[in-house]
Amino acid sequence: MSVRHLIPDPLTGERSYARFAHQDLAAFTPRQLWAECVTLEAALASAIARQVRPRLISAWPTFITDHEWMLARVGALRCEMRRRGYPEPDDPLSRPRSAATRGA
């Protein structure tokens, strides 16, 4: 899959902007969080391995590269999984940790 298909254009509408700004993650299931995380990690790794130059994305009033956005998105996905008490993406089928094991 092309990296360009994974990154929304933040200027095309509210839904695309919400995805671009990582504001859509609360609606994701744990498996959707995991799937998007590993998809983005694989796409970024492939782009880096093939030495694909990062492209600029206009996110008025600033710019960001597609590689930077993917890194930020992966970070936001991992943060959302941790917030929900799920382990890192390598184990998507695990149940949330109990309050006792989270230290709460």
PDB file of N, CA and C in Angstrom:
ATOM      1  N   MET A   1       0.847  -1.183   0.000  1.00  0.00           N
ATOM      2  CA  MET A   1       0.000   0.000   0.000  1.00  0.00           C
ATOM      3  C   MET A   1       0.887   1.239   0.000  1.00  0.00           C
ATOM      4  N   SER A   2       0.491   2.203  -0.780  1.00  0.00           N
ATOM      5  CA  SER A   2       1.237   3.447  -0.881  1.00  0.00           C
ATOM      6  C   SER A   2       1.079   4.274   0.394  1.00  0.00           C
ATOM      7  N   VAL A   3       2.152   4.929   0.769  1.00  0.00           N
ATOM      8  CA  VAL A   3       2.113   5.800   1.947  1.00  0.00           C
ATOM      9  C   VAL A   3       1.074   6.903   1.752  1.00  0.00           C
ATOM     10  N   ARG A   4       0.933   7.368   0.534  1.00  0.00           N
ATOM     11  CA  ARG A   4      -0.012   8.458   0.252  1.00  0.00           C
ATOM     12  C   ARG A   4      -1.452   8.062   0.564  1.00  0.00           C
ATOM     13  N   HIS A   5      -1.785   6.784   0.459  1.00  0.00           N
ATOM     14  CA  HIS A   5      -3.141   6.335   0.752  1.00  0.00           C
ATOM     15  C   HIS A   5      -3.399   6.243   2.260  1.00  0.00           C
ATOM     16  N   LEU A   6      -2.356   6.217   3.045  1.00  0.00           N
ATOM     17  CA  LEU A   6      -2.507   6.092   4.497  1.00  0.00           C
ATOM     18  C   LEU A   6      -2.683   7.430   5.202  1.00  0.00           C
ATOM     19  N   ILE A   7      -2.270   8.499   4.545  1.00  0.00           N
ATOM     20  CA  ILE A   7      -2.254   9.807   5.189  1.00  0.00           C
ATOM     21  C   ILE A   7      -3.380  10.671   4.636  1.00  0.00           C
ATOM     22  N   PRO A   8      -4.271  11.133   5.516  1.00  0.00           N
ATOM     23  CA  PRO A   8      -5.382  11.957   5.034  1.00  0.00           C
ATOM     24  C   PRO A   8      -4.920  13.372   4.696  1.00  0.00           C
ATOM     25  N   ASP A   9      -5.657  14.008   3.803  1.00  0.00           N
ATOM     26  CA  ASP A   9      -5.409  15.414   3.489  1.00  0.00           C
ATOM     27  C   ASP A   9      -6.235  16.234   4.484  1.00  0.00           C
ATOM     28  N   PRO A  10      -5.578  16.937   5.400  1.00  0.00           N
ATOM     29  CA  PRO A  10      -6.310  17.641   6.451  1.00  0.00           C
ATOM     30  C   PRO A  10      -7.168  18.793   5.946  1.00  0.00           C
ATOM     31  N   LEU A  11      -6.999  19.167   4.696  1.00  0.00           N
ATOM     32  CA  LEU A  11      -7.735  20.310   4.156  1.00  0.00           C
ATOM     33  C   LEU A  11      -8.992  19.913   3.394  1.00  0.00           C
ATOM     34  N   THR A  12      -9.304  18.612   3.340  1.00  0.00           N
ATOM     35  CA  THR A  12     -10.457  18.169   2.544  1.00  0.00           C
ATOM     36  C   THR A  12     -11.757  18.041   3.324  1.00  0.00           C
ATOM     37  N   GLY A  13     -11.718  18.180   4.626  1.00  0.00           N
ATOM     38  CA  GLY A  13     -12.952  18.089   5.400  1.00  0.00           C
ATOM     39  C   GLY A  13     -12.692  17.764   6.860  1.00  0.00           C
ATOM     40  N   GLU A  14     -13.762  17.818   7.631  1.00  0.00           N
ATOM     41  CA  GLU A  14     -13.641  17.595   9.077  1.00  0.00           C
ATOM     42  C   GLU A  14     -13.158  16.190   9.416  1.00  0.00           C
ATOM     43  N   ARG A  15     -13.670  15.196   8.723  1.00  0.00           N
ATOM     44  CA  ARG A  15     -13.290  13.809   9.008  1.00  0.00           C
ATOM     45  C   ARG A  15     -11.795  13.596   8.729  1.00  0.00           C
ATOM     46  N   SER A  16     -11.334  14.108   7.608  1.00  0.00           N
ATOM     47  CA  SER A  16      -9.916  13.977   7.268  1.00  0.00           C
ATOM     48  C   SER A  16      -9.049  14.751   8.253  1.00  0.00           C
ATOM     49  N   TYR A  17      -9.509  15.939   8.644  1.00  0.00           N
ATOM     50  CA  TYR A  17      -8.738  16.715   9.615  1.00  0.00           C
ATOM     51  C   TYR A  17      -8.676  15.989  10.958  1.00  0.00           C
ATOM     52  N   ALA A  18      -9.800  15.413  11.395  1.00  0.00           N
ATOM     53  CA  ALA A  18      -9.818  14.701  12.676  1.00  0.00           C
ATOM     54  C   ALA A  18      -8.834  13.531  12.649  1.00  0.00           C
ATOM     55  N   ARG A  19      -8.781  12.815  11.533  1.00  0.00           N
ATOM     56  CA  ARG A  19      -7.823  11.717  11.402  1.00  0.00           C
ATOM     57  C   ARG A  19      -6.401  12.259  11.388  1.00  0.00           C
ATOM     58  N   PHE A  20      -6.184  13.326  10.632  1.00  0.00           N
ATOM     59  CA  PHE A  20      -4.848  13.912  10.547  1.00  0.00           C
ATOM     60  C   PHE A  20      -4.354  14.364  11.925  1.00  0.00           C
ATOM     61  N   ALA A  21      -5.261  14.909  12.727  1.00  0.00           N
ATOM     62  CA  ALA A  21      -4.915  15.418  14.057  1.00  0.00           C
ATOM     63  C   ALA A  21      -5.044  14.360  15.149  1.00  0.00           C
ATOM     64  N   HIS A  22      -5.294  13.110  14.769  1.00  0.00           N
ATOM     65  CA  HIS A  22      -5.406  11.975  15.691  1.00  0.00           C
ATOM     66  C   HIS A  22      -6.579  12.118  16.656  1.00  0.00           C
ATOM     67  N   GLN A  23      -7.597  12.842  16.250  1.00  0.00           N
ATOM     68  CA  GLN A  23      -8.766  13.057  17.107  1.00  0.00           C
ATOM     69  C   GLN A  23      -9.820  11.971  16.921  1.00  0.00           C
ATOM     70  N   ASP A  24      -9.549  11.003  16.077  1.00  0.00           N
ATOM     71  CA  ASP A  24     -10.514   9.951  15.767  1.00  0.00           C
ATOM     72  C   ASP A  24     -10.280   8.652  16.532  1.00  0.00           C
ATOM     73  N   LEU A  25      -9.263   8.609  17.354  1.00  0.00           N
ATOM     74  CA  LEU A  25      -8.844   7.348  17.960  1.00  0.00           C
ATOM     75  C   LEU A  25      -9.808   6.798  19.004  1.00  0.00           C
ATOM     76  N   ALA A  26     -10.573   7.644  19.652  1.00  0.00           N
ATOM     77  CA  ALA A  26     -11.502   7.173  20.679  1.00  0.00           C
ATOM     78  C   ALA A  26     -12.557   6.234  20.101  1.00  0.00           C
ATOM     79  N   ALA A  27     -12.858   6.356  18.822  1.00  0.00           N
ATOM     80  CA  ALA A  27     -13.881   5.512  18.190  1.00  0.00           C
ATOM     81  C   ALA A  27     -13.335   4.165  17.725  1.00  0.00           C
ATOM     82  N   PHE A  28     -12.032   3.967  17.781  1.00  0.00           N
ATOM     83  CA  PHE A  28     -11.422   2.728  17.301  1.00  0.00           C
ATOM     84  C   PHE A  28     -11.577   1.607  18.317  1.00  0.00           C
ATOM     85  N   THR A  29     -11.752   0.379  17.811  1.00  0.00           N
ATOM     86  CA  THR A  29     -11.710  -0.795  18.679  1.00  0.00           C
ATOM     87  C   THR A  29     -10.233  -1.106  18.951  1.00  0.00           C
ATOM     88  N   PRO A  30      -9.938  -1.921  19.961  1.00  0.00           N
ATOM     89  CA  PRO A  30      -8.538  -2.278  20.200  1.00  0.00           C
ATOM     90  C   PRO A  30      -7.869  -2.908  18.979  1.00  0.00           C
ATOM     91  N   ARG A  31      -8.582  -3.744  18.260  1.00  0.00           N
ATOM     92  CA  ARG A  31      -7.994  -4.370  17.073  1.00  0.00           C
ATOM     93  C   ARG A  31      -7.754  -3.360  15.961  1.00  0.00           C
ATOM     94  N   GLN A  32      -8.627  -2.375  15.835  1.00  0.00           N
ATOM     95  CA  GLN A  32      -8.416  -1.322  14.840  1.00  0.00           C
ATOM     96  C   GLN A  32      -7.187  -0.484  15.197  1.00  0.00           C
ATOM     97  N   LEU A  33      -7.018  -0.200  16.481  1.00  0.00           N
ATOM     98  CA  LEU A  33      -5.826   0.532  16.917  1.00  0.00           C
ATOM     99  C   LEU A  33      -4.569  -0.246  16.546  1.00  0.00           C
ATOM    100  N   TRP A  34      -4.577  -1.528  16.878  1.00  0.00           N
ATOM    101  CA  TRP A  34      -3.422  -2.378  16.585  1.00  0.00           C
ATOM    102  C   TRP A  34      -3.159  -2.452  15.088  1.00  0.00           C
ATOM    103  N   ALA A  35      -4.217  -2.703  14.294  1.00  0.00           N
ATOM    104  CA  ALA A  35      -4.060  -2.864  12.847  1.00  0.00           C
ATOM    105  C   ALA A  35      -3.502  -1.600  12.205  1.00  0.00           C
ATOM    106  N   GLU A  36      -4.004  -0.461  12.593  1.00  0.00           N
ATOM    107  CA  GLU A  36      -3.489   0.782  12.013  1.00  0.00           C
ATOM    108  C   GLU A  36      -2.044   1.012  12.435  1.00  0.00           C
ATOM    109  N   CYS A  37      -1.734   0.696  13.668  1.00  0.00           N
ATOM    110  CA  CYS A  37      -0.371   0.877  14.161  1.00  0.00           C
ATOM    111  C   CYS A  37       0.620   0.038  13.356  1.00  0.00           C
ATOM    112  N   VAL A  38       0.349  -1.241  13.192  1.00  0.00           N
ATOM    113  CA  VAL A  38       1.299  -2.093  12.468  1.00  0.00           C
ATOM    114  C   VAL A  38       1.324  -1.759  10.977  1.00  0.00           C
ATOM    115  N   THR A  39       0.207  -1.331  10.417  1.00  0.00           N
ATOM    116  CA  THR A  39       0.176  -0.921   9.011  1.00  0.00           C
ATOM    117  C   THR A  39       1.073   0.288   8.789  1.00  0.00           C
ATOM    118  N   LEU A  40       0.956   1.280   9.655  1.00  0.00           N
ATOM    119  CA  LEU A  40       1.785   2.485   9.525  1.00  0.00           C
ATOM    120  C   LEU A  40       3.258   2.179   9.774  1.00  0.00           C
ATOM    121  N   GLU A  41       3.534   1.337  10.768  1.00  0.00           N
ATOM    122  CA  GLU A  41       4.929   0.976  11.038  1.00  0.00           C
ATOM    123  C   GLU A  41       5.544   0.283   9.825  1.00  0.00           C
ATOM    124  N   ALA A  42       4.799  -0.640   9.207  1.00  0.00           N
ATOM    125  CA  ALA A  42       5.308  -1.357   8.033  1.00  0.00           C
ATOM    126  C   ALA A  42       5.509  -0.406   6.849  1.00  0.00           C
ATOM    127  N   ALA A  43       4.562   0.497   6.643  1.00  0.00           N
ATOM    128  CA  ALA A  43       4.678   1.448   5.536  1.00  0.00           C
ATOM    129  C   ALA A  43       5.869   2.380   5.731  1.00  0.00           C
ATOM    130  N   LEU A  44       6.063   2.845   6.952  1.00  0.00           N
ATOM    131  CA  LEU A  44       7.193   3.732   7.228  1.00  0.00           C
ATOM    132  C   LEU A  44       8.510   2.988   7.081  1.00  0.00           C
ATOM    133  N   ALA A  45       8.576   1.771   7.595  1.00  0.00           N
ATOM    134  CA  ALA A  45       9.799   0.971   7.470  1.00  0.00           C
ATOM    135  C   ALA A  45      10.120   0.713   6.004  1.00  0.00           C
ATOM    136  N   SER A  46       9.114   0.416   5.215  1.00  0.00           N
ATOM    137  CA  SER A  46       9.316   0.176   3.790  1.00  0.00           C
ATOM    138  C   SER A  46       9.815   1.439   3.086  1.00  0.00           C
ATOM    139  N   ALA A  47       9.206   2.573   3.396  1.00  0.00           N
ATOM    140  CA  ALA A  47       9.620   3.831   2.770  1.00  0.00           C
ATOM    141  C   ALA A  47      11.070   4.164   3.118  1.00  0.00           C
ATOM    142  N   ILE A  48      11.437   3.935   4.366  1.00  0.00           N
ATOM    143  CA  ILE A  48      12.813   4.213   4.790  1.00  0.00           C
ATOM    144  C   ILE A  48      13.775   3.239   4.123  1.00  0.00           C
ATOM    145  N   ALA A  49      13.421   1.967   4.075  1.00  0.00           N
ATOM    146  CA  ALA A  49      14.291   0.956   3.474  1.00  0.00           C
ATOM    147  C   ALA A  49      14.495   1.217   1.978  1.00  0.00           C
ATOM    148  N   ARG A  50      13.449   1.703   1.305  1.00  0.00           N
ATOM    149  CA  ARG A  50      13.552   1.992  -0.122  1.00  0.00           C
ATOM    150  C   ARG A  50      14.110   3.392  -0.382  1.00  0.00           C
ATOM    151  N   GLN A  51      14.438   4.102   0.687  1.00  0.00           N
ATOM    152  CA  GLN A  51      14.995   5.461   0.628  1.00  0.00           C
ATOM    153  C   GLN A  51      14.065   6.425  -0.104  1.00  0.00           C
ATOM    154  N   VAL A  52      12.771   6.300   0.185  1.00  0.00           N
ATOM    155  CA  VAL A  52      11.785   7.213  -0.374  1.00  0.00           C
ATOM    156  C   VAL A  52      11.889   8.543   0.368  1.00  0.00           C
ATOM    157  N   ARG A  53      12.030   9.606  -0.392  1.00  0.00           N
ATOM    158  CA  ARG A  53      12.126  10.927   0.240  1.00  0.00           C
ATOM    159  C   ARG A  53      10.803  11.309   0.877  1.00  0.00           C
ATOM    160  N   PRO A  54      10.850  11.840   2.091  1.00  0.00           N
ATOM    161  CA  PRO A  54       9.605  12.304   2.714  1.00  0.00           C
ATOM    162  C   PRO A  54       8.999  13.440   1.889  1.00  0.00           C
ATOM    163  N   ARG A  55       7.680  13.486   1.836  1.00  0.00           N
ATOM    164  CA  ARG A  55       7.035  14.594   1.136  1.00  0.00           C
ATOM    165  C   ARG A  55       6.351  15.488   2.157  1.00  0.00           C
ATOM    166  N   LEU A  56       6.274  16.761   1.822  1.00  0.00           N
ATOM    167  CA  LEU A  56       5.635  17.716   2.706  1.00  0.00           C
ATOM    168  C   LEU A  56       4.123  17.643   2.579  1.00  0.00           C
ATOM    169  N   ILE A  57       3.462  17.761   3.720  1.00  0.00           N
ATOM    170  CA  ILE A  57       2.006  17.801   3.764  1.00  0.00           C
ATOM    171  C   ILE A  57       1.625  19.173   4.289  1.00  0.00           C
ATOM    172  N   SER A  58       0.755  19.842   3.587  1.00  0.00           N
ATOM    173  CA  SER A  58       0.285  21.153   4.029  1.00  0.00           C
ATOM    174  C   SER A  58      -0.789  20.951   5.083  1.00  0.00           C
ATOM    175  N   ALA A  59      -0.497  21.395   6.264  1.00  0.00           N
ATOM    176  CA  ALA A  59      -1.458  21.345   7.369  1.00  0.00           C
ATOM    177  C   ALA A  59      -1.556  22.761   7.927  1.00  0.00           C
ATOM    178  N   TRP A  60      -2.130  23.629   7.122  1.00  0.00           N
ATOM    179  CA  TRP A  60      -2.136  25.052   7.395  1.00  0.00           C
ATOM    180  C   TRP A  60      -2.350  25.335   8.866  1.00  0.00           C
ATOM    181  N   PRO A  61      -1.569  26.153   9.501  1.00  0.00           N
ATOM    182  CA  PRO A  61      -0.562  27.067   8.945  1.00  0.00           C
ATOM    183  C   PRO A  61       0.847  26.478   8.928  1.00  0.00           C
ATOM    184  N   THR A  62       0.975  25.187   9.158  1.00  0.00           N
ATOM    185  CA  THR A  62       2.300  24.577   9.196  1.00  0.00           C
ATOM    186  C   THR A  62       2.420  23.484   8.137  1.00  0.00           C
ATOM    187  N   PHE A  63       3.607  22.907   8.065  1.00  0.00           N
ATOM    188  CA  PHE A  63       3.867  21.773   7.186  1.00  0.00           C
ATOM    189  C   PHE A  63       4.498  20.669   8.019  1.00  0.00           C
ATOM    190  N   ILE A  64       4.273  19.443   7.590  1.00  0.00           N
ATOM    191  CA  ILE A  64       4.869  18.281   8.245  1.00  0.00           C
ATOM    192  C   ILE A  64       5.181  17.280   7.135  1.00  0.00           C
ATOM    193  N   THR A  65       6.195  16.460   7.329  1.00  0.00           N
ATOM    194  CA  THR A  65       6.462  15.440   6.314  1.00  0.00           C
ATOM    195  C   THR A  65       5.585  14.222   6.580  1.00  0.00           C
ATOM    196  N   ASP A  66       5.406  13.417   5.543  1.00  0.00           N
ATOM    197  CA  ASP A  66       4.600  12.211   5.714  1.00  0.00           C
ATOM    198  C   ASP A  66       5.241  11.252   6.714  1.00  0.00           C
ATOM    199  N   HIS A  67       6.573  11.191   6.745  1.00  0.00           N
ATOM    200  CA  HIS A  67       7.254  10.321   7.708  1.00  0.00           C
ATOM    201  C   HIS A  67       7.017  10.812   9.133  1.00  0.00           C
ATOM    202  N   GLU A  68       7.081  12.113   9.338  1.00  0.00           N
ATOM    203  CA  GLU A  68       6.822  12.669  10.682  1.00  0.00           C
ATOM    204  C   GLU A  68       5.388  12.389  11.114  1.00  0.00           C
ATOM    205  N   TRP A  69       4.437  12.526  10.174  1.00  0.00           N
ATOM    206  CA  TRP A  69       3.044  12.265  10.521  1.00  0.00           C
ATOM    207  C   TRP A  69       2.846  10.808  10.922  1.00  0.00           C
ATOM    208  N   MET A  70       3.444   9.889  10.157  1.00  0.00           N
ATOM    209  CA  MET A  70       3.287   8.468  10.489  1.00  0.00           C
ATOM    210  C   MET A  70       3.873   8.158  11.858  1.00  0.00           C
ATOM    211  N   LEU A  71       5.023   8.740  12.174  1.00  0.00           N
ATOM    212  CA  LEU A  71       5.612   8.539  13.507  1.00  0.00           C
ATOM    213  C   LEU A  71       4.699   9.090  14.591  1.00  0.00           C
ATOM    214  N   ALA A  72       4.132  10.268  14.354  1.00  0.00           N
ATOM    215  CA  ALA A  72       3.219  10.867  15.331  1.00  0.00           C
ATOM    216  C   ALA A  72       1.961  10.025  15.486  1.00  0.00           C
ATOM    217  N   ARG A  73       1.451   9.504  14.382  1.00  0.00           N
ATOM    218  CA  ARG A  73       0.230   8.687  14.426  1.00  0.00           C
ATOM    219  C   ARG A  73       0.483   7.393  15.194  1.00  0.00           C
ATOM    220  N   VAL A  74       1.610   6.749  14.933  1.00  0.00           N
ATOM    221  CA  VAL A  74       1.957   5.527  15.669  1.00  0.00           C
ATOM    222  C   VAL A  74       2.053   5.837  17.161  1.00  0.00           C
ATOM    223  N   GLY A  75       2.678   6.953  17.504  1.00  0.00           N
ATOM    224  CA  GLY A  75       2.769   7.349  18.912  1.00  0.00           C
ATOM    225  C   GLY A  75       1.402   7.575  19.523  1.00  0.00           C
ATOM    226  N   ALA A  76       0.515   8.235  18.786  1.00  0.00           N
ATOM    227  CA  ALA A  76      -0.843   8.485  19.288  1.00  0.00           C
ATOM    228  C   ALA A  76      -1.622   7.178  19.442  1.00  0.00           C
ATOM    229  N   LEU A  77      -1.457   6.258  18.500  1.00  0.00           N
ATOM    230  CA  LEU A  77      -2.125   4.961  18.598  1.00  0.00           C
ATOM    231  C   LEU A  77      -1.636   4.179  19.820  1.00  0.00           C
ATOM    232  N   ARG A  78      -0.335   4.157  20.016  1.00  0.00           N
ATOM    233  CA  ARG A  78       0.228   3.452  21.179  1.00  0.00           C
ATOM    234  C   ARG A  78      -0.230   4.099  22.489  1.00  0.00           C
ATOM    235  N   CYS A  79      -0.279   5.401  22.500  1.00  0.00           N
ATOM    236  CA  CYS A  79      -0.734   6.126  23.699  1.00  0.00           C
ATOM    237  C   CYS A  79      -2.193   5.771  24.012  1.00  0.00           C
ATOM    238  N   GLU A  80      -3.025   5.719  22.985  1.00  0.00           N
ATOM    239  CA  GLU A  80      -4.436   5.356  23.182  1.00  0.00           C
ATOM    240  C   GLU A  80      -4.567   3.924  23.694  1.00  0.00           C
ATOM    241  N   MET A  81      -3.747   3.020  23.178  1.00  0.00           N
ATOM    242  CA  MET A  81      -3.794   1.633  23.665  1.00  0.00           C
ATOM    243  C   MET A  81      -3.381   1.567  25.137  1.00  0.00           C
ATOM    244  N   ARG A  82      -2.333   2.290  25.489  1.00  0.00           N
ATOM    245  CA  ARG A  82      -1.901   2.298  26.897  1.00  0.00           C
ATOM    246  C   ARG A  82      -2.961   2.930  27.782  1.00  0.00           C
ATOM    247  N   ARG A  83      -3.597   4.007  27.298  1.00  0.00           N
ATOM    248  CA  ARG A  83      -4.636   4.686  28.078  1.00  0.00           C
ATOM    249  C   ARG A  83      -5.778   3.721  28.390  1.00  0.00           C
ATOM    250  N   ARG A  84      -6.079   2.847  27.462  1.00  0.00           N
ATOM    251  CA  ARG A  84      -7.152   1.861  27.656  1.00  0.00           C
ATOM    252  C   ARG A  84      -6.693   0.638  28.436  1.00  0.00           C
ATOM    253  N   GLY A  85      -5.419   0.558  28.744  1.00  0.00           N
ATOM    254  CA  GLY A  85      -4.915  -0.568  29.516  1.00  0.00           C
ATOM    255  C   GLY A  85      -4.512  -1.756  28.684  1.00  0.00           C
ATOM    256  N   TYR A  86      -4.356  -1.557  27.375  1.00  0.00           N
ATOM    257  CA  TYR A  86      -3.922  -2.645  26.501  1.00  0.00           C
ATOM    258  C   TYR A  86      -2.410  -2.630  26.361  1.00  0.00           C
ATOM    259  N   PRO A  87      -1.828  -3.800  26.154  1.00  0.00           N
ATOM    260  CA  PRO A  87      -0.375  -3.865  25.983  1.00  0.00           C
ATOM    261  C   PRO A  87       0.041  -3.285  24.632  1.00  0.00           C
ATOM    262  N   GLU A  88       1.315  -3.249  24.411  1.00  0.00           N
ATOM    263  CA  GLU A  88       1.849  -2.730  23.152  1.00  0.00           C
ATOM    264  C   GLU A  88       1.322  -3.557  21.978  1.00  0.00           C
ATOM    265  N   PRO A  89       1.416  -3.045  20.750  1.00  0.00           N
ATOM    266  CA  PRO A  89       0.803  -3.670  19.588  1.00  0.00           C
ATOM    267  C   PRO A  89       1.225  -5.094  19.266  1.00  0.00           C
ATOM    268  N   ASP A  90       2.262  -5.609  19.870  1.00  0.00           N
ATOM    269  CA  ASP A  90       2.676  -6.968  19.532  1.00  0.00           C
ATOM    270  C   ASP A  90       1.707  -8.022  20.065  1.00  0.00           C
ATOM    271  N   ASP A  91       0.732  -7.638  20.878  1.00  0.00           N
ATOM    272  CA  ASP A  91      -0.223  -8.596  21.428  1.00  0.00           C
ATOM    273  C   ASP A  91      -1.638  -8.011  21.381  1.00  0.00           C
ATOM    274  N   PRO A  92      -2.260  -7.962  20.189  1.00  0.00           N
ATOM    275  CA  PRO A  92      -3.544  -7.286  20.046  1.00  0.00           C
ATOM    276  C   PRO A  92      -4.725  -8.011  20.666  1.00  0.00           C
ATOM    277  N   LEU A  93      -4.582  -9.275  20.965  1.00  0.00           N
ATOM    278  CA  LEU A  93      -5.717 -10.031  21.467  1.00  0.00           C
ATOM    279  C   LEU A  93      -5.765 -10.117  22.985  1.00  0.00           C
ATOM    280  N   SER A  94      -4.790  -9.528  23.640  1.00  0.00           N
ATOM    281  CA  SER A  94      -4.769  -9.552  25.099  1.00  0.00           C
ATOM    282  C   SER A  94      -5.902  -8.707  25.666  1.00  0.00           C
ATOM    283  N   ARG A  95      -6.326  -9.082  26.846  1.00  0.00           N
ATOM    284  CA  ARG A  95      -7.346  -8.296  27.544  1.00  0.00           C
ATOM    285  C   ARG A  95      -6.672  -7.119  28.258  1.00  0.00           C
ATOM    286  N   PRO A  96      -7.460  -6.082  28.585  1.00  0.00           N
ATOM    287  CA  PRO A  96      -6.874  -4.976  29.350  1.00  0.00           C
ATOM    288  C   PRO A  96      -6.316  -5.471  30.668  1.00  0.00           C
ATOM    289  N   ARG A  97      -5.252  -4.850  31.099  1.00  0.00           N
ATOM    290  CA  ARG A  97      -4.665  -5.216  32.393  1.00  0.00           C
ATOM    291  C   ARG A  97      -5.615  -4.778  33.502  1.00  0.00           C
ATOM    292  N   SER A  98      -5.575  -5.518  34.588  1.00  0.00           N
ATOM    293  CA  SER A  98      -6.418  -5.164  35.722  1.00  0.00           C
ATOM    294  C   SER A  98      -5.827  -3.948  36.421  1.00  0.00           C
ATOM    295  N   ALA A  99      -6.626  -3.303  37.255  1.00  0.00           N
ATOM    296  CA  ALA A  99      -6.164  -2.132  37.985  1.00  0.00           C
ATOM    297  C   ALA A  99      -4.982  -2.484  38.874  1.00  0.00           C
ATOM    298  N   ALA A 100      -4.960  -3.697  39.422  1.00  0.00           N
ATOM    299  CA  ALA A 100      -3.871  -4.126  40.302  1.00  0.00           C
ATOM    300  C   ALA A 100      -2.546  -4.204  39.547  1.00  0.00           C
ATOM    301  N   THR A 101      -2.569  -4.695  38.306  1.00  0.00           N
ATOM    302  CA  THR A 101      -1.320  -4.822  37.550  1.00  0.00           C
ATOM    303  C   THR A 101      -0.895  -3.509  36.917  1.00  0.00           C
ATOM    304  N   ARG A 102      -1.838  -2.548  36.790  1.00  0.00           N
ATOM    305  CA  ARG A 102      -1.485  -1.228  36.264  1.00  0.00           C
ATOM    306  C   ARG A 102      -0.889  -0.352  37.350  1.00  0.00           C
ATOM    307  N   GLY A 103      -1.014  -0.767  38.590  1.00  0.00           N
ATOM    308  CA  GLY A 103      -0.507   0.039  39.685  1.00  0.00           C
ATOM    309  C   GLY A 103      -1.480   1.073  40.181  1.00  0.00           C
ATOM    310  N   ALA A 104      -2.761   0.925  39.816  1.00  0.00           N
ATOM    311  CA  ALA A 104      -3.776   1.892  40.227  1.00  0.00           C
ATOM    312  C   ALA A 104      -4.354   1.518  41.567  1.00  0.00           C
TER     313      ALA A 104
END
